[in-house]
Structure formats: structure tokens, C-alpha cells
Amino acid sequence: MATAQHVFNISMALMDELSLSEGQPVHAETRDYLLRTPKILTVLCNELYKFSDTWEKSEPGTRPVYAEVTGMEQELALDSFITDTVLPYGLAAHLLAEESPSLASFFLQRYQGLIFNHGGAIPVVTEPIRDLYGGV
């Protein structure tokens, strides 16, 4: 499973925020992004949990809730497609919302497009339908 740091690193690469000297995503200019990331990832993981192949049905009448992301080394219990492809765009959109609305909009459209195009692509288990009424 990927960590929050892994998703952050991909987002920083998408945002062109890697350090020029070291090629690393964590430096003085990304500190604010780093501090905001766990809370944003908590929201995004709750949005995306139902699309992950790690999603487990909850008890009837309850909603499955994703655990809070509390640190950057925390492993995210989502499949690799979500962590490596979808989450980085969502995180980048939220981090740039105030600083660069046009770039944030691009990342948000990409995030929503990935959910729309691939969200329903999770393998499902089917079962036969029983006719309870004995009709034709």
C-alpha cells in the first residue's frame, strides 16, 4: 500500500514543485502543502473509498468511513490505481485552489474524469435474481 507521502510526492511532481537542486518534493516552498495534506487526503480518501477494491461493505444502515489520515508515513488502505493515479490529481487541485485557480481547475477536471471513467471499473460479484412472486 502507498503512504500519504507517496501521494504527496506524485502531486508535487504534477504541480512542478520538486526542488531544482535535489529533485525532492519536500522543501521550504512546499511546507504549507505538506502541513495541509493529511486533512485533505482524509476527505479525498472518504470520497474514493467506495471506488477502491479494498472497500468493504458496512452493516446495513451504516456508511463505511475511511480512517483519518494523521501522518505522512501512514499507509492508505486504497488500491494502487487510486493512490497512484486518482488521489494525486485531487490533492493537487485542493492544494492549488487559492494559489492557482486555473491549474487547480485542470487537476480537478482530471480527478473527476478519472473517477467517472474508471470508478465503476471495479470487478463486482453477481448473483442470480430469484423470482419471489412466481410470475412469468
N, C-alpha and C. Protein backbone atom coordinates (compact mmCIF):
# COMPACT_ATOMS: atom_id res chain seq x y z
N MET A 1 0.83 -1.19 0.00
CA MET A 1 0.00 0.00 0.00
C MET A 1 0.88 1.25 0.00
N ALA A 2 0.37 2.28 -0.59
CA ALA A 2 1.11 3.54 -0.68
C ALA A 2 0.88 4.37 0.57
N THR A 3 1.85 5.21 0.87
CA THR A 3 1.72 6.11 2.02
C THR A 3 1.21 7.48 1.55
N ALA A 4 0.82 8.29 2.53
CA ALA A 4 0.41 9.66 2.23
C ALA A 4 1.57 10.41 1.58
N GLN A 5 2.78 10.13 2.02
CA GLN A 5 3.97 10.78 1.45
C GLN A 5 4.12 10.44 -0.03
N HIS A 6 3.84 9.20 -0.38
CA HIS A 6 3.91 8.75 -1.77
C HIS A 6 2.96 9.57 -2.64
N VAL A 7 1.72 9.73 -2.19
CA VAL A 7 0.73 10.51 -2.94
C VAL A 7 1.17 11.97 -3.03
N PHE A 8 1.67 12.51 -1.92
CA PHE A 8 2.17 13.88 -1.89
C PHE A 8 3.29 14.06 -2.92
N ASN A 9 4.22 13.12 -2.97
CA ASN A 9 5.34 13.20 -3.91
C ASN A 9 4.86 13.27 -5.36
N ILE A 10 3.88 12.44 -5.69
CA ILE A 10 3.35 12.45 -7.06
C ILE A 10 2.67 13.79 -7.34
N SER A 11 1.89 14.28 -6.36
CA SER A 11 1.21 15.57 -6.54
C SER A 11 2.21 16.70 -6.75
N MET A 12 3.29 16.69 -6.00
CA MET A 12 4.30 17.74 -6.15
C MET A 12 4.94 17.67 -7.53
N ALA A 13 5.15 16.48 -8.04
CA ALA A 13 5.69 16.35 -9.40
C ALA A 13 4.70 16.90 -10.42
N LEU A 14 3.42 16.60 -10.25
CA LEU A 14 2.39 17.13 -11.16
C LEU A 14 2.34 18.66 -11.10
N MET A 15 2.53 19.21 -9.90
CA MET A 15 2.45 20.66 -9.69
C MET A 15 3.76 21.37 -10.05
N ASP A 16 4.76 20.60 -10.46
CA ASP A 16 6.09 21.14 -10.77
C ASP A 16 6.71 21.81 -9.55
N GLU A 17 6.62 21.14 -8.41
CA GLU A 17 7.12 21.67 -7.15
C GLU A 17 8.29 20.87 -6.59
N LEU A 18 9.01 20.18 -7.44
CA LEU A 18 10.19 19.46 -6.97
C LEU A 18 11.35 20.43 -6.84
N SER A 19 12.18 20.22 -5.85
CA SER A 19 13.36 21.06 -5.64
C SER A 19 14.27 20.94 -6.85
N LEU A 20 14.71 22.08 -7.38
CA LEU A 20 15.58 22.05 -8.56
C LEU A 20 16.93 21.44 -8.26
N SER A 21 17.43 21.66 -7.05
CA SER A 21 18.76 21.14 -6.72
C SER A 21 18.75 19.67 -6.33
N GLU A 22 17.70 19.23 -5.65
CA GLU A 22 17.67 17.86 -5.15
C GLU A 22 16.63 16.98 -5.82
N GLY A 23 15.67 17.57 -6.51
CA GLY A 23 14.60 16.79 -7.11
C GLY A 23 13.65 16.20 -6.10
N GLN A 24 13.63 16.76 -4.91
CA GLN A 24 12.78 16.26 -3.84
C GLN A 24 11.54 17.14 -3.66
N PRO A 25 10.41 16.55 -3.26
CA PRO A 25 9.19 17.33 -3.11
C PRO A 25 9.07 18.09 -1.79
N VAL A 26 9.89 17.76 -0.81
CA VAL A 26 9.78 18.43 0.48
C VAL A 26 10.92 19.43 0.63
N HIS A 27 10.54 20.70 0.61
CA HIS A 27 11.49 21.78 0.83
C HIS A 27 10.72 22.98 1.35
N ALA A 28 11.40 24.08 1.59
CA ALA A 28 10.78 25.25 2.23
C ALA A 28 9.52 25.73 1.50
N GLU A 29 9.51 25.67 0.19
CA GLU A 29 8.38 26.19 -0.57
C GLU A 29 7.16 25.27 -0.56
N THR A 30 7.33 24.02 -0.16
CA THR A 30 6.19 23.09 -0.13
C THR A 30 5.74 22.78 1.30
N ARG A 31 6.31 23.46 2.28
CA ARG A 31 5.98 23.18 3.68
C ARG A 31 4.48 23.36 3.95
N ASP A 32 3.89 24.43 3.43
CA ASP A 32 2.46 24.66 3.63
C ASP A 32 1.65 23.52 3.03
N TYR A 33 2.03 23.07 1.84
CA TYR A 33 1.34 21.95 1.20
C TYR A 33 1.42 20.70 2.08
N LEU A 34 2.61 20.46 2.60
CA LEU A 34 2.85 19.28 3.42
C LEU A 34 1.97 19.29 4.67
N LEU A 35 1.83 20.44 5.29
CA LEU A 35 1.02 20.54 6.51
C LEU A 35 -0.47 20.33 6.24
N ARG A 36 -0.94 20.73 5.08
CA ARG A 36 -2.35 20.60 4.75
C ARG A 36 -2.73 19.23 4.19
N THR A 37 -1.76 18.50 3.72
CA THR A 37 -2.01 17.24 3.02
C THR A 37 -2.78 16.19 3.81
N PRO A 38 -2.44 15.88 5.06
CA PRO A 38 -3.20 14.81 5.75
C PRO A 38 -4.70 15.08 5.84
N LYS A 39 -5.09 16.30 6.14
CA LYS A 39 -6.53 16.61 6.26
C LYS A 39 -7.22 16.51 4.90
N ILE A 40 -6.56 17.00 3.86
CA ILE A 40 -7.14 16.92 2.51
C ILE A 40 -7.25 15.45 2.08
N LEU A 41 -6.22 14.66 2.37
CA LEU A 41 -6.27 13.25 2.00
C LEU A 41 -7.37 12.51 2.74
N THR A 42 -7.65 12.89 3.98
CA THR A 42 -8.76 12.27 4.71
C THR A 42 -10.06 12.47 3.95
N VAL A 43 -10.30 13.69 3.49
CA VAL A 43 -11.53 13.98 2.73
C VAL A 43 -11.55 13.19 1.42
N LEU A 44 -10.44 13.23 0.69
CA LEU A 44 -10.39 12.54 -0.61
C LEU A 44 -10.51 11.03 -0.47
N CYS A 45 -9.86 10.47 0.55
CA CYS A 45 -9.94 9.02 0.76
C CYS A 45 -11.38 8.60 1.07
N ASN A 46 -12.11 9.42 1.82
CA ASN A 46 -13.51 9.12 2.08
C ASN A 46 -14.33 9.18 0.80
N GLU A 47 -14.00 10.11 -0.08
CA GLU A 47 -14.69 10.21 -1.38
C GLU A 47 -14.41 8.98 -2.25
N LEU A 48 -13.17 8.52 -2.22
CA LEU A 48 -12.73 7.48 -3.15
C LEU A 48 -12.82 6.06 -2.61
N TYR A 49 -13.06 5.91 -1.32
CA TYR A 49 -13.05 4.59 -0.70
C TYR A 49 -14.00 3.62 -1.41
N LYS A 50 -15.17 4.09 -1.78
CA LYS A 50 -16.14 3.19 -2.41
C LYS A 50 -15.70 2.72 -3.80
N PHE A 51 -14.73 3.41 -4.40
CA PHE A 51 -14.23 3.01 -5.71
C PHE A 51 -13.02 2.08 -5.63
N SER A 52 -12.47 1.92 -4.44
CA SER A 52 -11.27 1.10 -4.26
C SER A 52 -11.64 -0.37 -4.13
N ASP A 53 -10.77 -1.24 -4.61
CA ASP A 53 -11.04 -2.66 -4.44
C ASP A 53 -10.79 -3.12 -3.00
N THR A 54 -10.39 -2.19 -2.13
CA THR A 54 -10.22 -2.50 -0.71
C THR A 54 -11.48 -2.19 0.09
N TRP A 55 -12.49 -1.62 -0.57
CA TRP A 55 -13.73 -1.22 0.09
C TRP A 55 -14.47 -2.44 0.62
N GLU A 56 -14.92 -2.34 1.85
CA GLU A 56 -15.70 -3.41 2.45
C GLU A 56 -17.07 -2.87 2.79
N LYS A 57 -18.08 -3.66 2.48
CA LYS A 57 -19.44 -3.24 2.81
C LYS A 57 -19.58 -3.12 4.32
N SER A 58 -20.38 -2.17 4.74
CA SER A 58 -20.62 -1.99 6.16
C SER A 58 -21.93 -2.66 6.54
N GLU A 59 -22.24 -2.60 7.79
CA GLU A 59 -23.51 -3.14 8.27
C GLU A 59 -24.66 -2.38 7.62
N PRO A 60 -25.78 -3.04 7.39
CA PRO A 60 -26.94 -2.34 6.82
C PRO A 60 -27.31 -1.11 7.67
N GLY A 61 -27.56 -0.02 6.98
CA GLY A 61 -27.94 1.21 7.67
C GLY A 61 -26.77 2.06 8.12
N THR A 62 -25.53 1.63 7.83
CA THR A 62 -24.36 2.43 8.19
C THR A 62 -23.53 2.67 6.94
N ARG A 63 -22.74 3.70 7.00
CA ARG A 63 -21.90 4.08 5.88
C ARG A 63 -20.45 3.70 6.21
N PRO A 64 -19.75 3.07 5.28
CA PRO A 64 -18.33 2.80 5.54
C PRO A 64 -17.54 4.11 5.53
N VAL A 65 -16.75 4.30 6.54
CA VAL A 65 -15.99 5.54 6.68
C VAL A 65 -14.51 5.20 6.68
N TYR A 66 -13.75 5.97 5.94
CA TYR A 66 -12.31 5.78 5.87
C TYR A 66 -11.66 6.42 7.10
N ALA A 67 -10.65 5.79 7.64
CA ALA A 67 -9.96 6.31 8.82
C ALA A 67 -9.24 7.62 8.51
N GLU A 68 -9.12 8.48 9.50
CA GLU A 68 -8.45 9.76 9.33
C GLU A 68 -6.97 9.55 8.99
N VAL A 69 -6.48 10.34 8.07
CA VAL A 69 -5.06 10.33 7.72
C VAL A 69 -4.37 11.29 8.70
N THR A 70 -3.50 10.77 9.54
CA THR A 70 -2.89 11.58 10.59
C THR A 70 -1.43 11.90 10.36
N GLY A 71 -0.78 11.20 9.47
CA GLY A 71 0.63 11.46 9.23
C GLY A 71 1.05 11.05 7.83
N MET A 72 2.18 11.55 7.42
CA MET A 72 2.64 11.32 6.06
C MET A 72 3.16 9.90 5.83
N GLU A 73 3.54 9.21 6.86
CA GLU A 73 4.03 7.83 6.71
C GLU A 73 2.91 6.81 6.83
N GLN A 74 1.69 7.29 7.05
CA GLN A 74 0.55 6.39 7.18
C GLN A 74 0.24 5.72 5.84
N GLU A 75 0.03 4.42 5.88
CA GLU A 75 -0.35 3.70 4.67
C GLU A 75 -1.83 3.94 4.40
N LEU A 76 -2.14 4.18 3.14
CA LEU A 76 -3.51 4.43 2.73
C LEU A 76 -4.11 3.12 2.25
N ALA A 77 -5.21 2.73 2.85
CA ALA A 77 -5.85 1.44 2.54
C ALA A 77 -6.73 1.55 1.29
N LEU A 78 -6.12 1.98 0.21
CA LEU A 78 -6.80 2.09 -1.08
C LEU A 78 -5.93 1.36 -2.10
N ASP A 79 -6.53 0.90 -3.18
CA ASP A 79 -5.74 0.18 -4.16
C ASP A 79 -4.77 1.12 -4.89
N SER A 80 -3.79 0.54 -5.55
CA SER A 80 -2.72 1.32 -6.16
C SER A 80 -3.20 2.21 -7.31
N PHE A 81 -4.25 1.83 -8.02
CA PHE A 81 -4.76 2.72 -9.06
C PHE A 81 -5.25 4.03 -8.44
N ILE A 82 -5.96 3.93 -7.33
CA ILE A 82 -6.46 5.13 -6.66
C ILE A 82 -5.30 5.97 -6.12
N THR A 83 -4.35 5.35 -5.43
CA THR A 83 -3.26 6.11 -4.81
C THR A 83 -2.28 6.68 -5.81
N ASP A 84 -2.04 5.97 -6.90
CA ASP A 84 -1.02 6.42 -7.85
C ASP A 84 -1.57 7.27 -8.99
N THR A 85 -2.87 7.17 -9.24
CA THR A 85 -3.44 7.86 -10.39
C THR A 85 -4.49 8.90 -10.04
N VAL A 86 -5.43 8.58 -9.18
CA VAL A 86 -6.55 9.47 -8.90
C VAL A 86 -6.24 10.45 -7.78
N LEU A 87 -5.80 9.96 -6.64
CA LEU A 87 -5.54 10.82 -5.47
C LEU A 87 -4.58 11.97 -5.74
N PRO A 88 -3.48 11.77 -6.47
CA PRO A 88 -2.56 12.90 -6.69
C PRO A 88 -3.22 14.09 -7.39
N TYR A 89 -4.12 13.82 -8.33
CA TYR A 89 -4.81 14.92 -9.00
C TYR A 89 -5.77 15.65 -8.06
N GLY A 90 -6.48 14.90 -7.24
CA GLY A 90 -7.38 15.52 -6.27
C GLY A 90 -6.62 16.35 -5.26
N LEU A 91 -5.50 15.82 -4.77
CA LEU A 91 -4.68 16.56 -3.81
C LEU A 91 -4.12 17.83 -4.44
N ALA A 92 -3.60 17.72 -5.63
CA ALA A 92 -3.05 18.90 -6.32
C ALA A 92 -4.13 19.97 -6.51
N ALA A 93 -5.33 19.56 -6.88
CA ALA A 93 -6.43 20.52 -7.07
C ALA A 93 -6.73 21.27 -5.78
N HIS A 94 -6.80 20.56 -4.68
CA HIS A 94 -7.10 21.21 -3.40
C HIS A 94 -5.97 22.10 -2.91
N LEU A 95 -4.74 21.67 -3.12
CA LEU A 95 -3.60 22.47 -2.67
C LEU A 95 -3.46 23.77 -3.46
N LEU A 96 -3.86 23.76 -4.72
CA LEU A 96 -3.69 24.93 -5.58
C LEU A 96 -4.95 25.80 -5.73
N ALA A 97 -6.02 25.44 -5.05
CA ALA A 97 -7.31 26.13 -5.24
C ALA A 97 -7.21 27.64 -5.10
N GLU A 98 -6.46 28.12 -4.14
CA GLU A 98 -6.36 29.56 -3.92
C GLU A 98 -5.20 30.18 -4.69
N GLU A 99 -4.12 29.46 -4.77
CA GLU A 99 -2.89 29.96 -5.39
C GLU A 99 -2.97 30.05 -6.91
N SER A 100 -3.56 29.04 -7.53
CA SER A 100 -3.63 28.99 -8.99
C SER A 100 -4.95 28.34 -9.41
N PRO A 101 -6.05 29.11 -9.40
CA PRO A 101 -7.36 28.53 -9.71
C PRO A 101 -7.43 27.82 -11.06
N SER A 102 -6.75 28.32 -12.07
CA SER A 102 -6.83 27.68 -13.38
C SER A 102 -6.13 26.32 -13.38
N LEU A 103 -4.99 26.23 -12.74
CA LEU A 103 -4.29 24.95 -12.65
C LEU A 103 -5.07 23.99 -11.74
N ALA A 104 -5.62 24.52 -10.66
CA ALA A 104 -6.45 23.70 -9.77
C ALA A 104 -7.65 23.14 -10.53
N SER A 105 -8.23 23.94 -11.39
CA SER A 105 -9.38 23.52 -12.18
C SER A 105 -8.97 22.37 -13.12
N PHE A 106 -7.81 22.49 -13.73
CA PHE A 106 -7.31 21.42 -14.60
C PHE A 106 -7.17 20.12 -13.82
N PHE A 107 -6.53 20.20 -12.64
CA PHE A 107 -6.34 19.00 -11.83
C PHE A 107 -7.67 18.43 -11.35
N LEU A 108 -8.62 19.29 -11.01
CA LEU A 108 -9.93 18.84 -10.56
C LEU A 108 -10.68 18.13 -11.70
N GLN A 109 -10.60 18.68 -12.90
CA GLN A 109 -11.25 18.03 -14.04
C GLN A 109 -10.63 16.65 -14.30
N ARG A 110 -9.33 16.59 -14.18
CA ARG A 110 -8.64 15.31 -14.38
C ARG A 110 -9.07 14.30 -13.32
N TYR A 111 -9.13 14.74 -12.06
CA TYR A 111 -9.56 13.91 -10.93
C TYR A 111 -10.98 13.39 -11.17
N GLN A 112 -11.89 14.27 -11.51
CA GLN A 112 -13.28 13.89 -11.74
C GLN A 112 -13.41 12.98 -12.96
N GLY A 113 -12.63 13.24 -13.99
CA GLY A 113 -12.65 12.39 -15.18
C GLY A 113 -12.19 10.98 -14.88
N LEU A 114 -11.15 10.86 -14.07
CA LEU A 114 -10.66 9.53 -13.70
C LEU A 114 -11.71 8.76 -12.90
N ILE A 115 -12.38 9.45 -12.00
CA ILE A 115 -13.44 8.80 -11.23
C ILE A 115 -14.57 8.38 -12.16
N PHE A 116 -14.98 9.27 -13.03
CA PHE A 116 -16.08 8.97 -13.95
C PHE A 116 -15.75 7.81 -14.88
N ASN A 117 -14.55 7.83 -15.44
CA ASN A 117 -14.17 6.80 -16.42
C ASN A 117 -13.77 5.47 -15.81
N HIS A 118 -13.23 5.50 -14.58
CA HIS A 118 -12.69 4.27 -14.01
C HIS A 118 -13.33 3.87 -12.69
N GLY A 119 -14.15 4.73 -12.12
CA GLY A 119 -14.76 4.44 -10.82
C GLY A 119 -15.62 3.20 -10.83
N GLY A 120 -16.31 2.96 -11.91
CA GLY A 120 -17.17 1.80 -11.99
C GLY A 120 -16.47 0.57 -12.53
N ALA A 121 -15.17 0.65 -12.75
CA ALA A 121 -14.44 -0.46 -13.36
C ALA A 121 -13.97 -1.50 -12.35
N ILE A 122 -14.48 -1.43 -11.14
CA ILE A 122 -14.09 -2.39 -10.12
C ILE A 122 -14.83 -3.70 -10.38
N PRO A 123 -14.13 -4.81 -10.34
CA PRO A 123 -14.81 -6.09 -10.53
C PRO A 123 -15.91 -6.28 -9.48
N VAL A 124 -17.03 -6.77 -9.89
CA VAL A 124 -18.14 -6.99 -8.96
C VAL A 124 -18.52 -8.46 -8.98
N VAL A 125 -19.17 -8.87 -7.93
CA VAL A 125 -19.67 -10.23 -7.84
C VAL A 125 -21.16 -10.16 -8.11
N THR A 126 -21.63 -11.02 -8.98
CA THR A 126 -23.06 -11.04 -9.29
C THR A 126 -23.68 -12.30 -8.74
N GLU A 127 -24.94 -12.24 -8.55
CA GLU A 127 -25.67 -13.43 -8.13
C GLU A 127 -26.99 -13.47 -8.89
N PRO A 128 -27.54 -14.65 -9.10
CA PRO A 128 -28.79 -14.74 -9.85
C PRO A 128 -29.94 -14.07 -9.10
N ILE A 129 -30.88 -13.55 -9.86
CA ILE A 129 -32.07 -12.93 -9.27
C ILE A 129 -33.11 -14.02 -9.08
N ARG A 130 -33.67 -14.08 -7.88
CA ARG A 130 -34.71 -15.07 -7.60
C ARG A 130 -36.08 -14.42 -7.81
N ASP A 131 -36.95 -15.15 -8.44
CA ASP A 131 -38.31 -14.68 -8.63
C ASP A 131 -39.11 -15.07 -7.40
N LEU A 132 -39.40 -14.09 -6.57
CA LEU A 132 -40.11 -14.35 -5.32
C LEU A 132 -41.63 -14.41 -5.50
N TYR A 133 -42.13 -13.97 -6.64
CA TYR A 133 -43.57 -13.90 -6.85
C TYR A 133 -44.10 -15.01 -7.76
N GLY A 134 -43.25 -15.76 -8.36
CA GLY A 134 -43.67 -16.87 -9.22
C GLY A 134 -44.32 -16.43 -10.52
N GLY A 135 -44.07 -15.20 -10.93
CA GLY A 135 -44.66 -14.68 -12.16
C GLY A 135 -43.92 -15.18 -13.38
N VAL A 136 -44.46 -14.82 -14.52
CA VAL A 136 -43.87 -15.26 -15.78
C VAL A 136 -42.90 -14.24 -16.27
